[in-house]
């Protein structure tokens, strides 16, 4: 009986050692793939940022012109600008408090 338990213990130890090696190989493979996915994600984010920066640079003069027009309108009609500001603050407050 002692011979069988020793034989099965050795077999079990071999299986555990084999599984440990396979697990180490899988960890290495996952680490390599994870690094590749990270690189791909970083490259994609960099591309999107570059594209967005280019579009904003092109649109910046138009945005400045619209901002100046809004500023002139607010100076010409201060009561209306204050009312619109209060409405915007009220909408933001209602959105914040409704999510709680």
PDB file of N, CA and C in Angstrom:
ATOM      1  N   UNK A   1       0.812  -1.189   0.000  1.00  0.00           N
ATOM      2  CA  UNK A   1       0.000   0.000   0.000  1.00  0.00           C
ATOM      3  C   UNK A   1       0.858   1.256   0.000  1.00  0.00           C
ATOM      4  N   UNK A   2       1.965   1.227   0.710  1.00  0.00           N
ATOM      5  CA  UNK A   2       2.860   2.375   0.753  1.00  0.00           C
ATOM      6  C   UNK A   2       3.447   2.646  -0.617  1.00  0.00           C
ATOM      7  N   UNK A   3       3.684   1.602  -1.404  1.00  0.00           N
ATOM      8  CA  UNK A   3       4.239   1.761  -2.735  1.00  0.00           C
ATOM      9  C   UNK A   3       3.273   2.490  -3.661  1.00  0.00           C
ATOM     10  N   UNK A   4       1.977   2.203  -3.566  1.00  0.00           N
ATOM     11  CA  UNK A   4       0.977   2.863  -4.390  1.00  0.00           C
ATOM     12  C   UNK A   4       0.837   4.333  -4.030  1.00  0.00           C
ATOM     13  N   UNK A   5       0.830   4.644  -2.745  1.00  0.00           N
ATOM     14  CA  UNK A   5       0.689   6.047  -2.353  1.00  0.00           C
ATOM     15  C   UNK A   5       1.910   6.858  -2.797  1.00  0.00           C
ATOM     16  N   UNK A   6       3.097   6.263  -2.764  1.00  0.00           N
ATOM     17  CA  UNK A   6       4.296   6.959  -3.213  1.00  0.00           C
ATOM     18  C   UNK A   6       4.250   7.167  -4.715  1.00  0.00           C
ATOM     19  N   UNK A   7       3.789   6.154  -5.449  1.00  0.00           N
ATOM     20  CA  UNK A   7       3.685   6.258  -6.907  1.00  0.00           C
ATOM     21  C   UNK A   7       2.659   7.321  -7.314  1.00  0.00           C
ATOM     22  N   UNK A   8       1.507   7.339  -6.646  1.00  0.00           N
ATOM     23  CA  UNK A   8       0.489   8.336  -6.980  1.00  0.00           C
ATOM     24  C   UNK A   8       0.939   9.727  -6.552  1.00  0.00           C
ATOM     25  N   UNK A   9       1.697   9.834  -5.470  1.00  0.00           N
ATOM     26  CA  UNK A   9       2.222  11.132  -5.047  1.00  0.00           C
ATOM     27  C   UNK A   9       3.205  11.678  -6.079  1.00  0.00           C
ATOM     28  N   UNK A  10       4.065  10.795  -6.618  1.00  0.00           N
ATOM     29  CA  UNK A  10       5.015  11.222  -7.637  1.00  0.00           C
ATOM     30  C   UNK A  10       4.291  11.654  -8.908  1.00  0.00           C
ATOM     31  N   UNK A  11       3.265  10.889  -9.281  1.00  0.00           N
ATOM     32  CA  UNK A  11       2.491  11.229 -10.472  1.00  0.00           C
ATOM     33  C   UNK A  11       1.780  12.577 -10.280  1.00  0.00           C
ATOM     34  N   UNK A  12       1.225  12.775  -9.111  1.00  0.00           N
ATOM     35  CA  UNK A  12       0.550  14.035  -8.799  1.00  0.00           C
ATOM     36  C   UNK A  12       1.536  15.200  -8.808  1.00  0.00           C
ATOM     37  N   UNK A  13       2.731  14.993  -8.292  1.00  0.00           N
ATOM     38  CA  UNK A  13       3.755  16.038  -8.305  1.00  0.00           C
ATOM     39  C   UNK A  13       4.165  16.381  -9.733  1.00  0.00           C
ATOM     40  N   UNK A  14       4.247  15.359 -10.599  1.00  0.00           N
ATOM     41  CA  UNK A  14       4.578  15.608 -12.004  1.00  0.00           C
ATOM     42  C   UNK A  14       3.478  16.428 -12.681  1.00  0.00           C
ATOM     43  N   UNK A  15       2.238  16.095 -12.373  1.00  0.00           N
ATOM     44  CA  UNK A  15       1.123  16.837 -12.970  1.00  0.00           C
ATOM     45  C   UNK A  15       1.123  18.292 -12.496  1.00  0.00           C
ATOM     46  N   UNK A  16       1.383  18.485 -11.220  1.00  0.00           N
ATOM     47  CA  UNK A  16       1.425  19.844 -10.679  1.00  0.00           C
ATOM     48  C   UNK A  16       2.569  20.628 -11.320  1.00  0.00           C
ATOM     49  N   UNK A  17       3.715  19.982 -11.489  1.00  0.00           N
ATOM     50  CA  UNK A  17       4.858  20.655 -12.115  1.00  0.00           C
ATOM     51  C   UNK A  17       4.543  21.007 -13.561  1.00  0.00           C
ATOM     52  N   UNK A  18       3.889  20.087 -14.271  1.00  0.00           N
ATOM     53  CA  UNK A  18       3.516  20.347 -15.668  1.00  0.00           C
ATOM     54  C   UNK A  18       2.521  21.505 -15.746  1.00  0.00           C
ATOM     55  N   UNK A  19       1.528  21.488 -14.875  1.00  0.00           N
ATOM     56  CA  UNK A  19       0.548  22.576 -14.858  1.00  0.00           C
ATOM     57  C   UNK A  19       1.193  23.909 -14.505  1.00  0.00           C
ATOM     58  N   UNK A  20       2.157  23.892 -13.609  1.00  0.00           N
ATOM     59  CA  UNK A  20       2.861  25.125 -13.239  1.00  0.00           C
ATOM     60  C   UNK A  20       3.631  25.688 -14.430  1.00  0.00           C
ATOM     61  N   UNK A  21       4.280  24.818 -15.196  1.00  0.00           N
ATOM     62  CA  UNK A  21       5.002  25.288 -16.390  1.00  0.00           C
ATOM     63  C   UNK A  21       4.034  25.855 -17.429  1.00  0.00           C
ATOM     64  N   UNK A  22       2.894  25.172 -17.617  1.00  0.00           N
ATOM     65  CA  UNK A  22       1.902  25.668 -18.568  1.00  0.00           C
ATOM     66  C   UNK A  22       1.331  27.008 -18.118  1.00  0.00           C
ATOM     67  N   UNK A  23       1.104  27.151 -16.828  1.00  0.00           N
ATOM     68  CA  UNK A  23       0.591  28.413 -16.301  1.00  0.00           C
ATOM     69  C   UNK A  23       1.600  29.540 -16.502  1.00  0.00           C
ATOM     70  N   UNK A  24       2.873  29.253 -16.296  1.00  0.00           N
ATOM     71  CA  UNK A  24       3.908  30.268 -16.512  1.00  0.00           C
ATOM     72  C   UNK A  24       3.957  30.672 -17.982  1.00  0.00           C
ATOM     73  N   UNK A  25       3.819  29.697 -18.880  1.00  0.00           N
ATOM     74  CA  UNK A  25       3.822  30.005 -20.313  1.00  0.00           C
ATOM     75  C   UNK A  25       2.604  30.852 -20.681  1.00  0.00           C
ATOM     76  N   UNK A  26       1.457  30.523 -20.108  1.00  0.00           N
ATOM     77  CA  UNK A  26       0.251  31.317 -20.379  1.00  0.00           C
ATOM     78  C   UNK A  26       0.397  32.742 -19.850  1.00  0.00           C
ATOM     79  N   UNK A  27       1.004  32.894 -18.677  1.00  0.00           N
ATOM     80  CA  UNK A  27       1.219  34.240 -18.132  1.00  0.00           C
ATOM     81  C   UNK A  27       2.103  35.070 -19.051  1.00  0.00           C
ATOM     82  N   UNK A  28       3.141  34.452 -19.595  1.00  0.00           N
ATOM     83  CA  UNK A  28       4.027  35.175 -20.519  1.00  0.00           C
ATOM     84  C   UNK A  28       3.273  35.591 -21.771  1.00  0.00           C
ATOM     85  N   UNK A  29       2.450  34.670 -22.304  1.00  0.00           N
ATOM     86  CA  UNK A  29       1.686  34.980 -23.515  1.00  0.00           C
ATOM     87  C   UNK A  29       0.704  36.115 -23.266  1.00  0.00           C
ATOM     88  N   UNK A  30       0.034  36.087 -22.122  1.00  0.00           N
ATOM     89  CA  UNK A  30      -0.917  37.147 -21.793  1.00  0.00           C
ATOM     90  C   UNK A  30      -0.192  38.476 -21.612  1.00  0.00           C
ATOM     91  N   UNK A  31       0.977  38.444 -20.987  1.00  0.00           N
ATOM     92  CA  UNK A  31       1.745  39.673 -20.794  1.00  0.00           C
ATOM     93  C   UNK A  31       2.157  40.275 -22.130  1.00  0.00           C
ATOM     94  N   UNK A  32       2.576  39.426 -23.065  1.00  0.00           N
ATOM     95  CA  UNK A  32       2.958  39.934 -24.388  1.00  0.00           C
ATOM     96  C   UNK A  32       1.765  40.534 -25.109  1.00  0.00           C
ATOM     97  N   UNK A  33       0.637  39.823 -25.071  1.00  0.00           N
ATOM     98  CA  UNK A  33      -0.564  40.340 -25.741  1.00  0.00           C
ATOM     99  C   UNK A  33      -1.068  41.602 -25.076  1.00  0.00           C
ATOM    100  N   UNK A  34      -1.020  41.635 -23.759  1.00  0.00           N
ATOM    101  CA  UNK A  34      -1.459  42.831 -23.046  1.00  0.00           C
ATOM    102  C   UNK A  34      -0.614  44.035 -23.415  1.00  0.00           C
ATOM    103  N   UNK A  35       0.688  43.823 -23.530  1.00  0.00           N
ATOM    104  CA  UNK A  35       1.572  44.910 -23.953  1.00  0.00           C
ATOM    105  C   UNK A  35       1.261  45.377 -25.357  1.00  0.00           C
ATOM    106  N   UNK A  36       0.958  44.416 -26.237  1.00  0.00           N
ATOM    107  CA  UNK A  36       0.619  44.778 -27.619  1.00  0.00           C
ATOM    108  C   UNK A  36      -0.694  45.554 -27.664  1.00  0.00           C
ATOM    109  N   UNK A  37      -1.697  45.118 -26.880  1.00  0.00           N
ATOM    110  CA  UNK A  37      -2.969  45.846 -26.844  1.00  0.00           C
ATOM    111  C   UNK A  37      -2.779  47.241 -26.272  1.00  0.00           C
ATOM    112  N   UNK A  38      -1.937  47.367 -25.264  1.00  0.00           N
ATOM    113  CA  UNK A  38      -1.657  48.676 -24.686  1.00  0.00           C
ATOM    114  C   UNK A  38      -1.016  49.587 -25.725  1.00  0.00           C
ATOM    115  N   UNK A  39      -0.043  49.055 -26.456  1.00  0.00           N
ATOM    116  CA  UNK A  39       0.615  49.844 -27.511  1.00  0.00           C
ATOM    117  C   UNK A  39      -0.399  50.280 -28.567  1.00  0.00           C
ATOM    118  N   UNK A  40      -1.267  49.353 -28.993  1.00  0.00           N
ATOM    119  CA  UNK A  40      -2.273  49.685 -29.995  1.00  0.00           C
ATOM    120  C   UNK A  40      -3.225  50.757 -29.487  1.00  0.00           C
ATOM    121  N   UNK A  41      -3.648  50.629 -28.228  1.00  0.00           N
ATOM    122  CA  UNK A  41      -4.548  51.621 -27.644  1.00  0.00           C
ATOM    123  C   UNK A  41      -3.896  52.981 -27.528  1.00  0.00           C
ATOM    124  N   UNK A  42      -2.633  52.984 -27.136  1.00  0.00           N
ATOM    125  CA  UNK A  42      -1.918  54.249 -27.017  1.00  0.00           C
ATOM    126  C   UNK A  42      -1.755  54.906 -28.384  1.00  0.00           C
ATOM    127  N   UNK A  43      -1.440  54.116 -29.399  1.00  0.00           N
ATOM    128  CA  UNK A  43      -1.298  54.662 -30.746  1.00  0.00           C
ATOM    129  C   UNK A  43      -2.622  55.219 -31.267  1.00  0.00           C
ATOM    130  N   UNK A  44      -3.717  54.485 -31.013  1.00  0.00           N
ATOM    131  CA  UNK A  44      -5.029  54.953 -31.452  1.00  0.00           C
ATOM    132  C   UNK A  44      -5.404  56.247 -30.744  1.00  0.00           C
ATOM    133  N   UNK A  45      -5.155  56.329 -29.437  1.00  0.00           N
ATOM    134  CA  UNK A  45      -5.465  57.550 -28.694  1.00  0.00           C
ATOM    135  C   UNK A  45      -4.634  58.721 -29.199  1.00  0.00           C
ATOM    136  N   UNK A  46      -3.388  58.456 -29.523  1.00  0.00           N
ATOM    137  CA  UNK A  46      -2.524  59.511 -30.051  1.00  0.00           C
ATOM    138  C   UNK A  46      -3.041  60.002 -31.403  1.00  0.00           C
ATOM    139  N   UNK A  47      -3.479  59.073 -32.239  1.00  0.00           N
ATOM    140  CA  UNK A  47      -4.031  59.454 -33.548  1.00  0.00           C
ATOM    141  C   UNK A  47      -5.294  60.296 -33.387  1.00  0.00           C
ATOM    142  N   UNK A  48      -6.197  59.864 -32.476  1.00  0.00           N
ATOM    143  CA  UNK A  48      -7.419  60.628 -32.251  1.00  0.00           C
ATOM    144  C   UNK A  48      -7.105  62.014 -31.708  1.00  0.00           C
ATOM    145  N   UNK A  49      -6.143  62.101 -30.805  1.00  0.00           N
ATOM    146  CA  UNK A  49      -5.767  63.397 -30.246  1.00  0.00           C
ATOM    147  C   UNK A  49      -5.214  64.311 -31.337  1.00  0.00           C
ATOM    148  N   UNK A  50      -4.379  63.771 -32.189  1.00  0.00           N
ATOM    149  CA  UNK A  50      -3.808  64.584 -33.272  1.00  0.00           C
ATOM    150  C   UNK A  50      -4.892  65.084 -34.210  1.00  0.00           C
ATOM    151  N   UNK A  51      -5.833  64.200 -34.534  1.00  0.00           N
ATOM    152  CA  UNK A  51      -6.923  64.584 -35.429  1.00  0.00           C
ATOM    153  C   UNK A  51      -7.804  65.650 -34.785  1.00  0.00           C
ATOM    154  N   UNK A  52      -8.116  65.465 -33.500  1.00  0.00           N
ATOM    155  CA  UNK A  52      -8.940  66.432 -32.789  1.00  0.00           C
ATOM    156  C   UNK A  52      -8.232  67.780 -32.678  1.00  0.00           C
ATOM    157  N   UNK A  53      -6.946  67.752 -32.389  1.00  0.00           N
ATOM    158  CA  UNK A  53      -6.184  69.003 -32.293  1.00  0.00           C
ATOM    159  C   UNK A  53      -6.173  69.730 -33.631  1.00  0.00           C
ATOM    160  N   UNK A  54      -6.034  68.987 -34.718  1.00  0.00           N
ATOM    161  CA  UNK A  54      -6.065  69.602 -36.043  1.00  0.00           C
ATOM    162  C   UNK A  54      -7.401  70.244 -36.349  1.00  0.00           C
ATOM    163  N   UNK A  55      -8.471  69.545 -36.004  1.00  0.00           N
ATOM    164  CA  UNK A  55      -9.815  70.094 -36.258  1.00  0.00           C
ATOM    165  C   UNK A  55     -10.075  71.333 -35.403  1.00  0.00           C
ATOM    166  N   UNK A  56      -9.646  71.271 -34.130  1.00  0.00           N
ATOM    167  CA  UNK A  56      -9.859  72.431 -33.270  1.00  0.00           C
ATOM    168  C   UNK A  56      -9.040  73.628 -33.734  1.00  0.00           C
ATOM    169  N   UNK A  57      -7.840  73.372 -34.217  1.00  0.00           N
ATOM    170  CA  UNK A  57      -7.015  74.461 -34.729  1.00  0.00           C
ATOM    171  C   UNK A  57      -7.681  75.124 -35.924  1.00  0.00           C
ATOM    172  N   UNK A  58      -8.280  74.305 -36.780  1.00  0.00           N
ATOM    173  CA  UNK A  58      -8.980  74.850 -37.945  1.00  0.00           C
ATOM    174  C   UNK A  58     -10.244  75.614 -37.544  1.00  0.00           C
ATOM    175  N   UNK A  59     -10.930  75.151 -36.505  1.00  0.00           N
ATOM    176  CA  UNK A  59     -12.198  75.758 -36.104  1.00  0.00           C
ATOM    177  C   UNK A  59     -12.029  76.898 -35.108  1.00  0.00           C
ATOM    178  N   UNK A  60     -10.845  77.083 -34.573  1.00  0.00           N
ATOM    179  CA  UNK A  60     -10.633  78.085 -33.539  1.00  0.00           C
ATOM    180  C   UNK A  60     -10.995  79.512 -33.970  1.00  0.00           C
ATOM    181  N   UNK A  61     -10.653  79.971 -35.165  1.00  0.00           N
ATOM    182  CA  UNK A  61     -11.071  81.329 -35.552  1.00  0.00           C
ATOM    183  C   UNK A  61     -12.588  81.506 -35.557  1.00  0.00           C
ATOM    184  N   UNK A  62     -13.305  80.517 -36.036  1.00  0.00           N
ATOM    185  CA  UNK A  62     -14.768  80.613 -36.053  1.00  0.00           C
ATOM    186  C   UNK A  62     -15.323  80.612 -34.637  1.00  0.00           C
ATOM    187  N   UNK A  63     -14.736  79.814 -33.755  1.00  0.00           N
ATOM    188  CA  UNK A  63     -15.183  79.787 -32.364  1.00  0.00           C
ATOM    189  C   UNK A  63     -14.933  81.132 -31.692  1.00  0.00           C
ATOM    190  N   UNK A  64     -13.787  81.733 -31.977  1.00  0.00           N
ATOM    191  CA  UNK A  64     -13.481  83.062 -31.409  1.00  0.00           C
ATOM    192  C   UNK A  64     -14.478  84.106 -31.907  1.00  0.00           C
ATOM    193  N   UNK A  65     -14.798  84.067 -33.197  1.00  0.00           N
ATOM    194  CA  UNK A  65     -15.758  85.026 -33.747  1.00  0.00           C
ATOM    195  C   UNK A  65     -17.125  84.872 -33.095  1.00  0.00           C
ATOM    196  N   UNK A  66     -17.578  83.640 -32.917  1.00  0.00           N
ATOM    197  CA  UNK A  66     -18.879  83.403 -32.283  1.00  0.00           C
ATOM    198  C   UNK A  66     -18.843  83.874 -30.827  1.00  0.00           C
ATOM    199  N   UNK A  67     -17.724  83.629 -30.153  1.00  0.00           N
ATOM    200  CA  UNK A  67     -17.586  84.084 -28.770  1.00  0.00           C
ATOM    201  C   UNK A  67     -17.659  85.594 -28.652  1.00  0.00           C
ATOM    202  N   UNK A  68     -17.007  86.277 -29.580  1.00  0.00           N
ATOM    203  CA  UNK A  68     -17.067  87.753 -29.580  1.00  0.00           C
ATOM    204  C   UNK A  68     -18.480  88.248 -29.856  1.00  0.00           C
ATOM    205  N   UNK A  69     -19.189  87.579 -30.764  1.00  0.00           N
ATOM    206  CA  UNK A  69     -20.572  87.979 -31.059  1.00  0.00           C
ATOM    207  C   UNK A  69     -21.459  87.767 -29.834  1.00  0.00           C
ATOM    208  N   UNK A  70     -21.256  86.680 -29.133  1.00  0.00           N
ATOM    209  CA  UNK A  70     -22.048  86.421 -27.919  1.00  0.00           C
ATOM    210  C   UNK A  70     -21.711  87.456 -26.845  1.00  0.00           C
ATOM    211  N   UNK A  71     -20.434  87.808 -26.760  1.00  0.00           N
ATOM    212  CA  UNK A  71     -20.021  88.820 -25.783  1.00  0.00           C
ATOM    213  C   UNK A  71     -20.671  90.165 -26.092  1.00  0.00           C
ATOM    214  N   UNK A  72     -20.694  90.549 -27.356  1.00  0.00           N
ATOM    215  CA  UNK A  72     -21.335  91.818 -27.739  1.00  0.00           C
ATOM    216  C   UNK A  72     -22.829  91.800 -27.415  1.00  0.00           C
ATOM    217  N   UNK A  73     -23.469  90.688 -27.690  1.00  0.00           N
ATOM    218  CA  UNK A  73     -24.897  90.566 -27.397  1.00  0.00           C
ATOM    219  C   UNK A  73     -25.143  90.657 -25.897  1.00  0.00           C
ATOM    220  N   UNK A  74     -24.282  90.016 -25.102  1.00  0.00           N
ATOM    221  CA  UNK A  74     -24.444  90.072 -23.652  1.00  0.00           C
ATOM    222  C   UNK A  74     -24.228  91.488 -23.130  1.00  0.00           C
ATOM    223  N   UNK A  75     -23.320  92.230 -23.724  1.00  0.00           N
ATOM    224  CA  UNK A  75     -23.091  93.627 -23.299  1.00  0.00           C
ATOM    225  C   UNK A  75     -24.264  94.519 -23.690  1.00  0.00           C
ATOM    226  N   UNK A  76     -24.857  94.229 -24.851  1.00  0.00           N
ATOM    227  CA  UNK A  76     -25.991  95.037 -25.313  1.00  0.00           C
ATOM    228  C   UNK A  76     -27.260  94.736 -24.513  1.00  0.00           C
ATOM    229  N   UNK A  77     -27.401  93.517 -24.033  1.00  0.00           N
ATOM    230  CA  UNK A  77     -28.613  93.094 -23.321  1.00  0.00           C
ATOM    231  C   UNK A  77     -28.228  92.379 -22.018  1.00  0.00           C
ATOM    232  N   UNK A  78     -27.803  93.109 -20.999  1.00  0.00           N
ATOM    233  CA  UNK A  78     -27.323  92.476 -19.767  1.00  0.00           C
ATOM    234  C   UNK A  78     -28.417  91.724 -19.000  1.00  0.00           C
ATOM    235  N   UNK A  79     -29.630  92.206 -19.011  1.00  0.00           N
ATOM    236  CA  UNK A  79     -30.702  91.526 -18.276  1.00  0.00           C
ATOM    237  C   UNK A  79     -30.999  90.163 -18.905  1.00  0.00           C
ATOM    238  N   UNK A  80     -31.011  90.109 -20.206  1.00  0.00           N
ATOM    239  CA  UNK A  80     -31.259  88.846 -20.902  1.00  0.00           C
ATOM    240  C   UNK A  80     -30.120  87.870 -20.638  1.00  0.00           C
ATOM    241  N   UNK A  81     -28.894  88.368 -20.642  1.00  0.00           N
ATOM    242  CA  UNK A  81     -27.743  87.510 -20.374  1.00  0.00           C
ATOM    243  C   UNK A  81     -27.802  86.944 -18.956  1.00  0.00           C
ATOM    244  N   UNK A  82     -28.207  87.787 -17.997  1.00  0.00           N
ATOM    245  CA  UNK A  82     -28.326  87.311 -16.612  1.00  0.00           C
ATOM    246  C   UNK A  82     -29.430  86.265 -16.493  1.00  0.00           C
ATOM    247  N   UNK A  83     -30.542  86.469 -17.181  1.00  0.00           N
ATOM    248  CA  UNK A  83     -31.643  85.500 -17.139  1.00  0.00           C
ATOM    249  C   UNK A  83     -31.216  84.166 -17.741  1.00  0.00           C
ATOM    250  N   UNK A  84     -30.528  84.216 -18.860  1.00  0.00           N
ATOM    251  CA  UNK A  84     -30.055  82.984 -19.487  1.00  0.00           C
ATOM    252  C   UNK A  84     -29.048  82.280 -18.570  1.00  0.00           C
ATOM    253  N   UNK A  85     -28.181  83.039 -17.940  1.00  0.00           N
ATOM    254  CA  UNK A  85     -27.218  82.456 -17.008  1.00  0.00           C
ATOM    255  C   UNK A  85     -27.902  81.760 -15.847  1.00  0.00           C
ATOM    256  N   UNK A  86     -28.942  82.391 -15.302  1.00  0.00           N
ATOM    257  CA  UNK A  86     -29.684  81.772 -14.197  1.00  0.00           C
ATOM    258  C   UNK A  86     -30.398  80.496 -14.648  1.00  0.00           C
ATOM    259  N   UNK A  87     -30.934  80.512 -15.845  1.00  0.00           N
ATOM    260  CA  UNK A  87     -31.594  79.314 -16.370  1.00  0.00           C
ATOM    261  C   UNK A  87     -30.587  78.176 -16.521  1.00  0.00           C
ATOM    262  N   UNK A  88     -29.417  78.478 -17.035  1.00  0.00           N
ATOM    263  CA  UNK A  88     -28.383  77.449 -17.208  1.00  0.00           C
ATOM    264  C   UNK A  88     -27.951  76.900 -15.851  1.00  0.00           C
ATOM    265  N   UNK A  89     -27.751  77.783 -14.875  1.00  0.00           N
ATOM    266  CA  UNK A  89     -27.366  77.327 -13.537  1.00  0.00           C
ATOM    267  C   UNK A  89     -28.476  76.471 -12.938  1.00  0.00           C
ATOM    268  N   UNK A  90     -29.716  76.839 -13.140  1.00  0.00           N
ATOM    269  CA  UNK A  90     -30.837  76.046 -12.636  1.00  0.00           C
ATOM    270  C   UNK A  90     -30.908  74.679 -13.288  1.00  0.00           C
ATOM    271  N   UNK A  91     -30.674  74.610 -14.587  1.00  0.00           N
ATOM    272  CA  UNK A  91     -30.676  73.313 -15.278  1.00  0.00           C
ATOM    273  C   UNK A  91     -29.564  72.408 -14.773  1.00  0.00           C
ATOM    274  N   UNK A  92     -28.394  72.977 -14.593  1.00  0.00           N
ATOM    275  CA  UNK A  92     -27.262  72.178 -14.090  1.00  0.00           C
ATOM    276  C   UNK A  92     -27.552  71.687 -12.678  1.00  0.00           C
ATOM    277  N   UNK A  93     -28.106  72.568 -11.831  1.00  0.00           N
ATOM    278  CA  UNK A  93     -28.430  72.177 -10.460  1.00  0.00           C
ATOM    279  C   UNK A  93     -29.484  71.067 -10.449  1.00  0.00           C
ATOM    280  N   UNK A  94     -30.495  71.180 -11.300  1.00  0.00           N
ATOM    281  CA  UNK A  94     -31.526  70.135 -11.329  1.00  0.00           C
ATOM    282  C   UNK A  94     -30.962  68.814 -11.832  1.00  0.00           C
ATOM    283  N   UNK A  95     -30.044  68.848 -12.775  1.00  0.00           N
ATOM    284  CA  UNK A  95     -29.412  67.606 -13.246  1.00  0.00           C
ATOM    285  C   UNK A  95     -28.568  66.967 -12.156  1.00  0.00           C
ATOM    286  N   UNK A  96     -27.841  67.789 -11.418  1.00  0.00           N
ATOM    287  CA  UNK A  96     -26.974  67.271 -10.356  1.00  0.00           C
ATOM    288  C   UNK A  96     -27.813  66.658  -9.241  1.00  0.00           C
ATOM    289  N   UNK A  97     -28.847  67.350  -8.816  1.00  0.00           N
ATOM    290  CA  UNK A  97     -29.658  66.862  -7.700  1.00  0.00           C
ATOM    291  C   UNK A  97     -30.589  65.736  -8.087  1.00  0.00           C
ATOM    292  N   UNK A  98     -30.966  65.626  -9.356  1.00  0.00           N
ATOM    293  CA  UNK A  98     -31.871  64.540  -9.773  1.00  0.00           C
ATOM    294  C   UNK A  98     -31.157  63.206  -9.853  1.00  0.00           C
ATOM    295  N   UNK A  99     -29.849  63.190  -9.962  1.00  0.00           N
ATOM    296  CA  UNK A  99     -29.086  61.935 -10.053  1.00  0.00           C
ATOM    297  C   UNK A  99     -28.832  61.327  -8.694  1.00  0.00           C
ATOM    298  N   UNK A 100     -29.115  62.021  -7.653  1.00  0.00           N
ATOM    299  CA  UNK A 100     -28.879  61.492  -6.294  1.00  0.00           C
ATOM    300  C   UNK A 100     -30.007  60.676  -5.887  1.00  0.00           C
TER     301      UNK A 100
END
